[in-house]
């Protein structure tokens, strides 16, 4: 790691510690933002949706999932999601046949383009869902991604 980067990281950590000691922020805020542990531990789609507060999300064509139809390596599957719904507050990626359905969740600050890209792990061919929260309502789109074994199809 280069020295300038190391010094910057130390300064940032020191500032957070100083703010926590002064009582300006709580120690929990200094470490990381709150995360929805129950949603990430949900074993089924219904468990994850319930933990996210998304009962009966509406299907939407204003959500675009960008991913290959066939993933040759299920350990690293690039997935992008773009929401064209005004007032998008969060984007989550759920994978139906994974051991834990919720793969990723992103808060979208106001004034930010509602577009995310990440890599997810998929154990097998499955539907991948994009869940968008916009104006306190939930919307969903899905795409099937086939995971191959050694590039031979599956």
N, C-alpha and C. Protein backbone atom coordinates (compact mmCIF):
# COMPACT_ATOMS: atom_id res chain seq x y z
N UNK A 1 0.86 -1.17 0.00
CA UNK A 1 0.00 0.00 0.00
C UNK A 1 0.91 1.23 0.00
N UNK A 2 0.56 2.23 -0.79
CA UNK A 2 1.43 3.39 -0.83
C UNK A 2 1.25 4.24 0.43
N UNK A 3 2.29 4.95 0.81
CA UNK A 3 2.34 5.66 2.10
C UNK A 3 1.28 6.76 2.19
N UNK A 4 1.04 7.49 1.11
CA UNK A 4 0.06 8.58 1.14
C UNK A 4 -1.34 8.03 1.42
N UNK A 5 -1.69 6.91 0.80
CA UNK A 5 -2.99 6.29 1.03
C UNK A 5 -3.11 5.85 2.49
N UNK A 6 -2.06 5.26 3.01
CA UNK A 6 -2.05 4.80 4.40
C UNK A 6 -2.27 5.98 5.36
N UNK A 7 -1.60 7.10 5.11
CA UNK A 7 -1.75 8.28 5.96
C UNK A 7 -3.17 8.83 5.88
N UNK A 8 -3.76 8.82 4.70
CA UNK A 8 -5.14 9.29 4.52
C UNK A 8 -6.11 8.42 5.30
N UNK A 9 -5.93 7.11 5.22
CA UNK A 9 -6.81 6.19 5.95
C UNK A 9 -6.67 6.38 7.45
N UNK A 10 -5.46 6.56 7.93
CA UNK A 10 -5.25 6.80 9.37
C UNK A 10 -5.92 8.09 9.81
N UNK A 11 -5.81 9.14 8.99
CA UNK A 11 -6.42 10.42 9.33
C UNK A 11 -7.94 10.29 9.40
N UNK A 12 -8.52 9.57 8.46
CA UNK A 12 -9.97 9.36 8.45
C UNK A 12 -10.44 8.59 9.67
N UNK A 13 -9.71 7.54 10.03
CA UNK A 13 -10.06 6.75 11.21
C UNK A 13 -9.91 7.58 12.48
N UNK A 14 -8.88 8.41 12.52
CA UNK A 14 -8.67 9.27 13.67
C UNK A 14 -9.78 10.30 13.82
N UNK A 15 -10.25 10.85 12.70
CA UNK A 15 -11.35 11.82 12.74
C UNK A 15 -12.62 11.17 13.25
N UNK A 16 -12.93 9.96 12.79
CA UNK A 16 -14.12 9.26 13.27
C UNK A 16 -14.02 8.98 14.77
N UNK A 17 -12.85 8.57 15.23
CA UNK A 17 -12.66 8.31 16.66
C UNK A 17 -12.84 9.60 17.47
N UNK A 18 -12.33 10.70 16.96
CA UNK A 18 -12.46 12.00 17.65
C UNK A 18 -13.93 12.42 17.72
N UNK A 19 -14.67 12.26 16.63
CA UNK A 19 -16.09 12.62 16.62
C UNK A 19 -16.89 11.73 17.58
N UNK A 20 -16.54 10.45 17.65
CA UNK A 20 -17.22 9.54 18.58
C UNK A 20 -16.90 9.91 20.02
N UNK A 21 -15.65 10.25 20.30
CA UNK A 21 -15.25 10.62 21.66
C UNK A 21 -15.92 11.92 22.10
N UNK A 22 -16.14 12.82 21.16
CA UNK A 22 -16.78 14.09 21.48
C UNK A 22 -18.29 13.95 21.60
N UNK A 23 -18.82 12.79 21.26
CA UNK A 23 -20.26 12.57 21.36
C UNK A 23 -21.03 13.10 20.17
N UNK A 24 -20.34 13.52 19.13
CA UNK A 24 -21.01 14.05 17.94
C UNK A 24 -21.67 12.92 17.15
N UNK A 25 -20.99 11.78 17.10
CA UNK A 25 -21.58 10.59 16.48
C UNK A 25 -21.42 9.44 17.46
N UNK A 26 -22.27 8.44 17.32
CA UNK A 26 -22.16 7.27 18.21
C UNK A 26 -21.09 6.34 17.67
N UNK A 27 -20.52 5.49 18.53
CA UNK A 27 -19.50 4.54 18.07
C UNK A 27 -20.01 3.65 16.93
N UNK A 28 -21.28 3.29 16.96
CA UNK A 28 -21.85 2.46 15.88
C UNK A 28 -21.81 3.19 14.55
N UNK A 29 -22.07 4.49 14.56
CA UNK A 29 -22.01 5.27 13.33
C UNK A 29 -20.58 5.40 12.83
N UNK A 30 -19.63 5.38 13.73
CA UNK A 30 -18.23 5.50 13.33
C UNK A 30 -17.75 4.25 12.62
N UNK A 31 -18.32 3.10 12.93
CA UNK A 31 -17.87 1.86 12.31
C UNK A 31 -18.53 1.61 10.97
N UNK A 32 -19.84 1.66 10.91
CA UNK A 32 -20.54 1.39 9.66
C UNK A 32 -21.99 1.80 9.82
N UNK A 33 -22.62 1.99 8.69
CA UNK A 33 -24.05 2.30 8.72
C UNK A 33 -24.83 1.06 9.14
N UNK A 34 -26.05 1.29 9.60
CA UNK A 34 -26.89 0.15 9.97
C UNK A 34 -27.14 -0.72 8.75
N UNK A 35 -27.22 -2.01 8.98
CA UNK A 35 -27.53 -2.94 7.91
C UNK A 35 -28.60 -3.88 8.41
N UNK A 36 -29.36 -4.39 7.49
CA UNK A 36 -30.51 -5.22 7.81
C UNK A 36 -30.06 -6.68 7.90
N UNK A 37 -29.61 -7.09 9.06
CA UNK A 37 -29.08 -8.44 9.27
C UNK A 37 -30.13 -9.50 8.95
N UNK A 38 -31.37 -9.28 9.37
CA UNK A 38 -32.43 -10.27 9.14
C UNK A 38 -32.67 -10.49 7.65
N UNK A 39 -32.59 -9.43 6.85
CA UNK A 39 -32.80 -9.57 5.40
C UNK A 39 -31.69 -10.40 4.77
N UNK A 40 -30.45 -10.17 5.19
CA UNK A 40 -29.34 -10.92 4.62
C UNK A 40 -29.30 -12.37 5.10
N UNK A 41 -29.94 -12.65 6.23
CA UNK A 41 -29.98 -14.02 6.74
C UNK A 41 -31.21 -14.78 6.26
N UNK A 42 -32.13 -14.12 5.57
CA UNK A 42 -33.34 -14.78 5.08
C UNK A 42 -33.00 -15.88 4.09
N UNK A 43 -33.51 -17.05 4.34
CA UNK A 43 -33.18 -18.21 3.49
C UNK A 43 -34.03 -18.27 2.23
N UNK A 44 -35.23 -17.69 2.26
CA UNK A 44 -36.12 -17.72 1.10
C UNK A 44 -36.37 -16.29 0.61
N UNK A 45 -36.89 -16.19 -0.59
CA UNK A 45 -37.24 -14.88 -1.13
C UNK A 45 -38.26 -14.19 -0.22
N UNK A 46 -39.26 -14.95 0.24
CA UNK A 46 -40.29 -14.38 1.10
C UNK A 46 -39.71 -13.85 2.41
N UNK A 47 -38.76 -14.59 3.00
CA UNK A 47 -38.10 -14.13 4.23
C UNK A 47 -37.37 -12.81 4.00
N UNK A 48 -36.61 -12.75 2.92
CA UNK A 48 -35.83 -11.55 2.61
C UNK A 48 -36.75 -10.36 2.31
N UNK A 49 -37.79 -10.59 1.50
CA UNK A 49 -38.72 -9.51 1.17
C UNK A 49 -39.42 -8.98 2.43
N UNK A 50 -39.81 -9.90 3.31
CA UNK A 50 -40.48 -9.49 4.55
C UNK A 50 -39.54 -8.64 5.41
N UNK A 51 -38.29 -9.06 5.53
CA UNK A 51 -37.32 -8.32 6.34
C UNK A 51 -37.01 -6.95 5.74
N UNK A 52 -37.11 -6.84 4.42
CA UNK A 52 -36.89 -5.56 3.75
C UNK A 52 -38.12 -4.66 3.81
N UNK A 53 -39.26 -5.23 4.24
CA UNK A 53 -40.50 -4.46 4.31
C UNK A 53 -41.23 -4.39 2.99
N UNK A 54 -40.92 -5.31 2.09
CA UNK A 54 -41.49 -5.30 0.74
C UNK A 54 -42.54 -6.38 0.59
N UNK A 55 -43.76 -6.09 1.00
CA UNK A 55 -44.82 -7.08 0.84
C UNK A 55 -45.52 -6.80 -0.50
N UNK A 56 -45.48 -7.77 -1.38
CA UNK A 56 -46.15 -7.65 -2.68
C UNK A 56 -45.62 -6.56 -3.57
N UNK A 57 -44.31 -6.57 -3.92
CA UNK A 57 -43.79 -5.54 -4.81
C UNK A 57 -44.42 -5.66 -6.21
N UNK A 58 -44.66 -4.53 -6.84
CA UNK A 58 -45.25 -4.50 -8.18
C UNK A 58 -44.17 -4.76 -9.22
N UNK A 59 -44.52 -5.50 -10.27
CA UNK A 59 -43.59 -5.70 -11.39
C UNK A 59 -43.44 -4.38 -12.14
N UNK A 60 -42.22 -4.11 -12.62
CA UNK A 60 -41.97 -2.86 -13.30
C UNK A 60 -41.03 -3.05 -14.49
N UNK A 61 -41.38 -2.43 -15.60
CA UNK A 61 -40.50 -2.43 -16.77
C UNK A 61 -39.51 -1.26 -16.69
N UNK A 62 -39.62 -0.44 -15.66
CA UNK A 62 -38.70 0.69 -15.47
C UNK A 62 -37.45 0.31 -14.70
N UNK A 63 -37.28 -0.99 -14.46
CA UNK A 63 -36.07 -1.50 -13.81
C UNK A 63 -35.34 -2.36 -14.84
N UNK A 64 -34.09 -2.05 -15.07
CA UNK A 64 -33.29 -2.77 -16.07
C UNK A 64 -32.21 -3.55 -15.36
N UNK A 65 -32.21 -4.87 -15.56
CA UNK A 65 -31.15 -5.73 -15.02
C UNK A 65 -30.18 -6.01 -16.15
N UNK A 66 -28.91 -5.67 -15.92
CA UNK A 66 -27.87 -5.91 -16.93
C UNK A 66 -26.98 -7.05 -16.44
N UNK A 67 -27.11 -8.18 -17.10
CA UNK A 67 -26.30 -9.35 -16.78
C UNK A 67 -26.33 -10.27 -17.99
N UNK A 68 -25.29 -11.07 -18.13
CA UNK A 68 -25.25 -12.04 -19.22
C UNK A 68 -26.33 -13.09 -18.99
N UNK A 69 -26.86 -13.64 -20.08
CA UNK A 69 -27.85 -14.70 -19.97
C UNK A 69 -27.22 -15.97 -19.42
N UNK A 70 -25.93 -16.17 -19.73
CA UNK A 70 -25.21 -17.36 -19.28
C UNK A 70 -23.94 -16.91 -18.56
N UNK A 71 -23.77 -17.39 -17.33
CA UNK A 71 -22.57 -17.11 -16.54
C UNK A 71 -21.72 -18.38 -16.52
N UNK A 72 -20.52 -18.28 -17.06
CA UNK A 72 -19.64 -19.45 -17.10
C UNK A 72 -19.04 -19.77 -15.75
N UNK A 73 -18.95 -18.77 -14.88
CA UNK A 73 -18.38 -18.97 -13.55
C UNK A 73 -19.35 -18.42 -12.52
N UNK A 74 -20.06 -19.29 -11.83
CA UNK A 74 -21.04 -18.86 -10.85
C UNK A 74 -20.44 -18.16 -9.63
N UNK A 75 -19.11 -18.27 -9.46
CA UNK A 75 -18.46 -17.63 -8.31
C UNK A 75 -18.38 -16.11 -8.50
N UNK A 76 -18.40 -15.64 -9.75
CA UNK A 76 -18.28 -14.22 -10.03
C UNK A 76 -19.21 -13.87 -11.19
N UNK A 77 -20.41 -13.41 -10.86
CA UNK A 77 -21.40 -13.07 -11.88
C UNK A 77 -21.64 -11.56 -11.84
N UNK A 78 -21.18 -10.82 -12.86
CA UNK A 78 -21.42 -9.38 -12.88
C UNK A 78 -22.91 -9.08 -13.10
N UNK A 79 -23.46 -8.20 -12.27
CA UNK A 79 -24.87 -7.80 -12.37
C UNK A 79 -24.96 -6.29 -12.18
N UNK A 80 -25.72 -5.66 -13.05
CA UNK A 80 -26.00 -4.23 -12.92
C UNK A 80 -27.50 -4.02 -12.88
N UNK A 81 -27.92 -3.02 -12.14
CA UNK A 81 -29.34 -2.68 -12.07
C UNK A 81 -29.47 -1.17 -12.21
N UNK A 82 -30.39 -0.76 -13.08
CA UNK A 82 -30.70 0.65 -13.25
C UNK A 82 -32.19 0.84 -13.03
N UNK A 83 -32.53 1.83 -12.22
CA UNK A 83 -33.93 2.16 -11.99
C UNK A 83 -34.26 3.46 -12.71
N UNK A 84 -35.33 3.41 -13.48
CA UNK A 84 -35.81 4.62 -14.15
C UNK A 84 -37.03 5.18 -13.42
N UNK A 85 -37.24 4.71 -12.19
CA UNK A 85 -38.36 5.14 -11.38
C UNK A 85 -37.94 6.37 -10.58
N UNK A 86 -38.64 7.50 -10.73
CA UNK A 86 -38.27 8.70 -9.97
C UNK A 86 -38.37 8.45 -8.46
N UNK A 87 -37.48 9.06 -7.72
CA UNK A 87 -37.50 8.94 -6.27
C UNK A 87 -36.95 7.62 -5.74
N UNK A 88 -36.09 6.96 -6.52
CA UNK A 88 -35.52 5.69 -6.08
C UNK A 88 -34.70 5.89 -4.81
N UNK A 89 -35.00 5.07 -3.79
CA UNK A 89 -34.33 5.17 -2.50
C UNK A 89 -33.34 4.04 -2.26
N UNK A 90 -33.62 2.85 -2.81
CA UNK A 90 -32.70 1.73 -2.63
C UNK A 90 -32.87 0.73 -3.76
N UNK A 91 -31.82 -0.04 -3.99
CA UNK A 91 -31.83 -1.13 -4.97
C UNK A 91 -31.23 -2.35 -4.28
N UNK A 92 -31.94 -3.47 -4.36
CA UNK A 92 -31.46 -4.73 -3.79
C UNK A 92 -31.46 -5.80 -4.86
N UNK A 93 -30.54 -6.74 -4.73
CA UNK A 93 -30.45 -7.88 -5.65
C UNK A 93 -30.73 -9.14 -4.86
N UNK A 94 -31.70 -9.92 -5.32
CA UNK A 94 -32.07 -11.17 -4.67
C UNK A 94 -31.92 -12.31 -5.67
N UNK A 95 -31.44 -13.46 -5.18
CA UNK A 95 -31.24 -14.62 -6.03
C UNK A 95 -32.03 -15.78 -5.45
N UNK A 96 -33.00 -16.22 -6.22
CA UNK A 96 -33.99 -17.19 -5.75
C UNK A 96 -33.38 -18.47 -5.19
N UNK A 97 -32.43 -19.07 -5.87
CA UNK A 97 -31.92 -20.39 -5.47
C UNK A 97 -30.63 -20.35 -4.66
N UNK A 98 -30.22 -19.19 -4.20
CA UNK A 98 -29.04 -19.12 -3.34
C UNK A 98 -29.42 -19.48 -1.90
N UNK A 99 -28.45 -19.94 -1.09
CA UNK A 99 -28.75 -20.29 0.30
C UNK A 99 -29.32 -19.11 1.10
N UNK A 100 -28.85 -17.90 0.82
CA UNK A 100 -29.43 -16.67 1.37
C UNK A 100 -29.89 -15.85 0.18
N UNK A 101 -31.17 -15.52 0.14
CA UNK A 101 -31.75 -14.90 -1.05
C UNK A 101 -31.19 -13.50 -1.35
N UNK A 102 -30.98 -12.68 -0.31
CA UNK A 102 -30.51 -11.31 -0.54
C UNK A 102 -29.00 -11.32 -0.77
N UNK A 103 -28.60 -10.90 -1.97
CA UNK A 103 -27.18 -10.90 -2.32
C UNK A 103 -26.53 -9.54 -2.09
N UNK A 104 -27.29 -8.45 -2.29
CA UNK A 104 -26.73 -7.11 -2.14
C UNK A 104 -27.86 -6.11 -1.96
N UNK A 105 -27.57 -5.03 -1.24
CA UNK A 105 -28.55 -3.97 -1.05
C UNK A 105 -27.81 -2.63 -0.98
N UNK A 106 -28.31 -1.66 -1.73
CA UNK A 106 -27.66 -0.36 -1.83
C UNK A 106 -28.67 0.75 -1.55
N UNK A 107 -28.32 1.68 -0.67
CA UNK A 107 -29.12 2.88 -0.48
C UNK A 107 -28.70 3.88 -1.55
N UNK A 108 -29.67 4.56 -2.13
CA UNK A 108 -29.41 5.53 -3.19
C UNK A 108 -29.72 6.92 -2.65
N UNK A 109 -28.70 7.74 -2.40
CA UNK A 109 -28.94 9.08 -1.88
C UNK A 109 -29.70 9.95 -2.90
N UNK A 110 -30.49 10.87 -2.42
CA UNK A 110 -31.23 11.79 -3.30
C UNK A 110 -30.25 12.52 -4.22
N UNK A 111 -30.64 12.68 -5.46
CA UNK A 111 -29.81 13.36 -6.43
C UNK A 111 -28.75 12.48 -7.09
N UNK A 112 -28.75 11.19 -6.75
CA UNK A 112 -27.78 10.26 -7.30
C UNK A 112 -28.44 9.44 -8.41
N UNK A 113 -27.70 9.11 -9.45
CA UNK A 113 -28.23 8.23 -10.49
C UNK A 113 -28.49 6.87 -9.89
N UNK A 114 -29.71 6.34 -10.02
CA UNK A 114 -30.03 5.03 -9.45
C UNK A 114 -29.52 3.90 -10.33
N UNK A 115 -28.21 3.71 -10.29
CA UNK A 115 -27.53 2.70 -11.10
C UNK A 115 -26.45 2.06 -10.25
N UNK A 116 -26.48 0.74 -10.14
CA UNK A 116 -25.46 0.03 -9.37
C UNK A 116 -24.91 -1.12 -10.21
N UNK A 117 -23.68 -1.48 -9.95
CA UNK A 117 -23.08 -2.67 -10.54
C UNK A 117 -22.30 -3.39 -9.44
N UNK A 118 -22.35 -4.70 -9.47
CA UNK A 118 -21.63 -5.49 -8.48
C UNK A 118 -21.41 -6.88 -9.06
N UNK A 119 -20.80 -7.72 -8.29
CA UNK A 119 -20.62 -9.13 -8.66
C UNK A 119 -21.27 -9.96 -7.56
N UNK A 120 -21.99 -10.97 -7.97
CA UNK A 120 -22.66 -11.85 -7.01
C UNK A 120 -22.20 -13.28 -7.25
N UNK A 121 -22.44 -14.11 -6.27
CA UNK A 121 -22.12 -15.53 -6.37
C UNK A 121 -23.43 -16.29 -6.55
N UNK A 122 -23.44 -17.20 -7.52
CA UNK A 122 -24.63 -18.00 -7.79
C UNK A 122 -24.23 -19.47 -7.80
N UNK A 123 -24.93 -20.27 -7.02
CA UNK A 123 -24.63 -21.69 -6.94
C UNK A 123 -25.18 -22.49 -8.11
N UNK A 124 -26.23 -21.95 -8.76
CA UNK A 124 -26.88 -22.68 -9.86
C UNK A 124 -27.72 -21.70 -10.67
N UNK A 125 -28.23 -22.18 -11.79
CA UNK A 125 -29.12 -21.39 -12.61
C UNK A 125 -30.30 -20.94 -11.76
N UNK A 126 -30.64 -19.64 -11.88
CA UNK A 126 -31.69 -19.09 -11.02
C UNK A 126 -32.24 -17.80 -11.60
N UNK A 127 -33.42 -17.42 -11.12
CA UNK A 127 -33.93 -16.09 -11.39
C UNK A 127 -33.23 -15.12 -10.47
N UNK A 128 -32.83 -13.97 -11.02
CA UNK A 128 -32.22 -12.90 -10.25
C UNK A 128 -33.22 -11.75 -10.26
N UNK A 129 -33.52 -11.23 -9.09
CA UNK A 129 -34.51 -10.18 -8.94
C UNK A 129 -33.85 -8.88 -8.53
N UNK A 130 -34.33 -7.78 -9.11
CA UNK A 130 -33.94 -6.44 -8.67
C UNK A 130 -35.14 -5.85 -7.96
N UNK A 131 -34.96 -5.49 -6.71
CA UNK A 131 -36.01 -4.88 -5.90
C UNK A 131 -35.66 -3.41 -5.71
N UNK A 132 -36.56 -2.54 -6.12
CA UNK A 132 -36.34 -1.10 -6.02
C UNK A 132 -37.37 -0.50 -5.08
N UNK A 133 -36.87 0.29 -4.14
CA UNK A 133 -37.76 1.07 -3.27
C UNK A 133 -37.74 2.50 -3.79
N UNK A 134 -38.92 3.01 -4.13
CA UNK A 134 -39.02 4.38 -4.63
C UNK A 134 -40.28 5.01 -4.03
N UNK A 135 -40.12 6.17 -3.45
CA UNK A 135 -41.24 6.87 -2.81
C UNK A 135 -41.98 5.96 -1.83
N UNK A 136 -41.21 5.18 -1.08
CA UNK A 136 -41.73 4.26 -0.06
C UNK A 136 -42.62 3.14 -0.61
N UNK A 137 -42.50 2.86 -1.91
CA UNK A 137 -43.20 1.73 -2.54
C UNK A 137 -42.14 0.82 -3.15
N UNK A 138 -42.48 -0.47 -3.31
CA UNK A 138 -41.52 -1.44 -3.83
C UNK A 138 -41.92 -1.92 -5.22
N UNK A 139 -40.89 -2.07 -6.08
CA UNK A 139 -41.06 -2.53 -7.45
C UNK A 139 -40.02 -3.61 -7.72
N UNK A 140 -40.32 -4.50 -8.67
CA UNK A 140 -39.43 -5.63 -8.90
C UNK A 140 -39.35 -5.98 -10.38
N UNK A 141 -38.18 -6.47 -10.78
CA UNK A 141 -37.97 -7.03 -12.12
C UNK A 141 -37.14 -8.28 -11.94
N UNK A 142 -37.20 -9.20 -12.92
CA UNK A 142 -36.40 -10.42 -12.80
C UNK A 142 -35.78 -10.79 -14.13
N UNK A 143 -34.71 -11.58 -14.02
CA UNK A 143 -34.00 -12.09 -15.19
C UNK A 143 -33.42 -13.43 -14.81
N UNK A 144 -33.58 -14.41 -15.68
CA UNK A 144 -32.96 -15.71 -15.44
C UNK A 144 -31.51 -15.67 -15.91
N UNK A 145 -30.62 -16.16 -15.06
CA UNK A 145 -29.21 -16.29 -15.43
C UNK A 145 -28.85 -17.76 -15.30
N UNK A 146 -28.36 -18.32 -16.40
CA UNK A 146 -27.96 -19.73 -16.40
C UNK A 146 -26.49 -19.83 -16.00
N UNK A 147 -26.23 -20.68 -15.04
CA UNK A 147 -24.85 -20.90 -14.58
C UNK A 147 -24.40 -22.23 -15.19
N UNK A 148 -23.29 -22.18 -15.88
CA UNK A 148 -22.76 -23.39 -16.53
C UNK A 148 -21.64 -24.00 -15.69
N UNK A 149 -21.39 -25.25 -15.93
CA UNK A 149 -20.28 -25.95 -15.30
C UNK A 149 -19.20 -26.13 -16.33
N UNK A 150 -18.12 -25.43 -16.18
CA UNK A 150 -17.03 -25.53 -17.13
C UNK A 150 -17.37 -25.02 -18.51
N UNK A 151 -18.38 -24.16 -18.62
CA UNK A 151 -18.78 -23.61 -19.92
C UNK A 151 -19.52 -24.57 -20.79
N UNK A 152 -20.01 -25.67 -20.25
CA UNK A 152 -20.66 -26.71 -21.06
C UNK A 152 -22.19 -26.61 -21.07
N UNK A 153 -22.74 -25.61 -20.44
CA UNK A 153 -24.20 -25.47 -20.39
C UNK A 153 -24.76 -26.14 -19.15
N UNK A 154 -25.94 -25.70 -18.72
CA UNK A 154 -26.53 -26.28 -17.53
C UNK A 154 -27.90 -25.88 -17.36
